[in-house]
Amino acid sequence: MRTSTPAKPTLPRVSELTVSDISSRGNGSTTETAESGVEELDKSVDIGLSLPKCSQPSTSQPMEFTSRAAEKKKTLSSSFVDPFSLSISIKKTSEEDEDLLDEEYVPDYDVTLGSDEDADIEDVAGGDMVLESEETEVHVEDKPEEHYFGPGITQVLTTEGFGAVFRDEKVLAFEEQLLMLAKTKIDDKCLVKGCSESVAISTKYVGTALYIIWSCSNSHTKHRWCSQPVLNKGLHSGDLVMSAAVLCSGNNFSKVKLMANMINLHLPSPSSFTRIQRTYLVPAIEEKWEEHLENVRSELADREIVLLGDGRMDSPGHCAQYCTYTMMEKDSTKIVALETLDKRETGRKSTNLEKLGFQRSLDDVKSIVNVQELQDIWVGMLRHVQNEHEWALSYGRMGPGACSHGELTDDRDKDWIEKGSPAHSALTKIVLDKRFLNNVHYYLNFRSTANLEFFNNHILMYASKRIAYSPPVYRARNILAALDYNYSVDLPLLTKDDGSPMYFRTFSKKSGRWTVFQRKVKKTYNHVNDIFFKILKMRLEMEEGMHRPAELSARDPRRLSRTIAPKSPPPTAEIALQKKSRF
């Protein structure tokens, strides 16, 4: 077998490299995937060609630079094959191949060199669930711009200045409040009559807010500024917005609080977050869900629908505490019913949760399926094959029967089946099989619940199985998942400039195959803006504050029992005395 070796590439000399080429190789930029030498070299050429547009080189020799860069790119591209356009498919070794000797074995593989048409398809490997990846941009270091300097801008150029980056306190500041501070002029003299002390500046932190106070040594306050607007009854808007963002984004407050502590970012206390969540967030999410559910059901009111139902436990096995039962409309793939149940509602038997969830879901929606009509068409086939298209009595119901097709033509090539013939007797035995006719409603109602399984997996984004939630919070997080799913299921597909669809590739570890999916436009999360507005409205219209005893709803399972344990817990001190350890 003859092989060919590509010629060695003619690499550019140091004198031929431009400033753009050198800076592009030394800027330290990296991508998420490891790059081979060929990819890195090819990228350096592309960077060298694109940078002069930004750096505005001298116009005295524009053609010389262009021709030299084009020649350099041509030299490199003629000696290498783009590894991203090369695919190798290797056949798995069979049992027959294992019996062959090493000298006789010939591997079965296929090498394919892709075309430029696949240049816009993104590869995503490593799993069935694919997340959108951001485009990697190459940043080139340049001289600092003028707005980087000034008396009001602190630059950190040495390790001694790290305190300003990590140890300084961080807060949430609103733009309007900062502009207000910038326009404020305050002198250093106290305005109280008879007080000649100078005014000093002090700071105070309340939740996510920062207060700057101008006061003298006699505690005379001259001016006070807050980094964010203050709502009625003294609630800072940053505390309300941050708490709502943590819940509506599916995050866990304890983890967000841990992240904030690492960078000295002030957040509401855990107790404040719990009160805000209970008083404003959960009711606003419930209200938004009821409005959305009414709109979805009104769209389906005038047509027959097929519903898909499935239950999802919050933990595997027989130890689940919560069950989420969801009903989805088949054609629109939208969630039309969602019930969350606690095992305390079924006598602490988690195996009965899904049945109860199905019964509750049926209280809201009903599916009407005409099984009798299908049986009439099925049995009427015996008369159709005899060239009888109308008959006096239909199967299973009083009244005449007829075929559903229109008028037939006379140019039929095949003969009709005669009644009583072996063919007709065999067909009659199949059509009138009692076992099939008794189970025909199962065949009629069978649908795939793949989209519903996708939604069940989507719930994990908002309600992790590793974190415990109270019943109202667990339901609110499931509602957020349903709202996110319903609002994103109808997103339009992305297209290129010529109108053709945009795809991304993904590799399935389960099937061992590559497949493509069409890209959709990015989510807007407009429903979250509606929830935020409802939260703010509730706060402004509520006469009482959030510092009041919690009231359980009528369906809250905590009315049945405080915990999921079958008996009340003894005092903690008693448990500590009775505890025995092996260590």
Foldseek 3Di string as FASTA:
>chain_A
DDDDAFDDFDADDPVLDDPQLVQLVPVPDDDPDDDDPLVVVLVSLVRQVPVCVPVVDDPPPPPVSVVSSVVNNVRSPRRDADPVQKDKAWDDDDPVLVPDDPVPHDTDMDIGGHDPVCVQAAEDEDADDDDDDDDDDRDGDDDDDPVCDDPVHDDDDDPVPCCVFAVDAAADADPVLVVVVVPDDDAQAAPDPPDGFGWDWDWDDDFRKIKIWTDGPVRRTDDIGIRADAAPPGHGPVQLVVLLCCQLQQHDVVVVVVVCVRRNGGHHDPVSSVLLCQQFQLVLLVVLLVVVLVVVVVVVVPDAWFKDKDKDFLDDDFQGFKIWIWIATPPLRATNDIDMDGCLVVVNGSVCRRVVRVVVRVVPDDGDDPLVVVLQQLVCVLCVLQVHFKAAQTPPDGGIGGHPDDDDDDPDDDDRDDPPDPVSVVSCCVSVPPVCSVCVVVVVNDDDCPSVVVLSVLLCSNDPSVDDDFVSSSVSSSSSSSVQCSQPSPFDFDADPVRHFRWYWYAHPVVRDIDIDTHGDDDDPVSSVSSSVSSSVSCNPDPDDSPDDDDDDPPRSVVSPVDSDPDDDDDPVVCVVPDDDPD
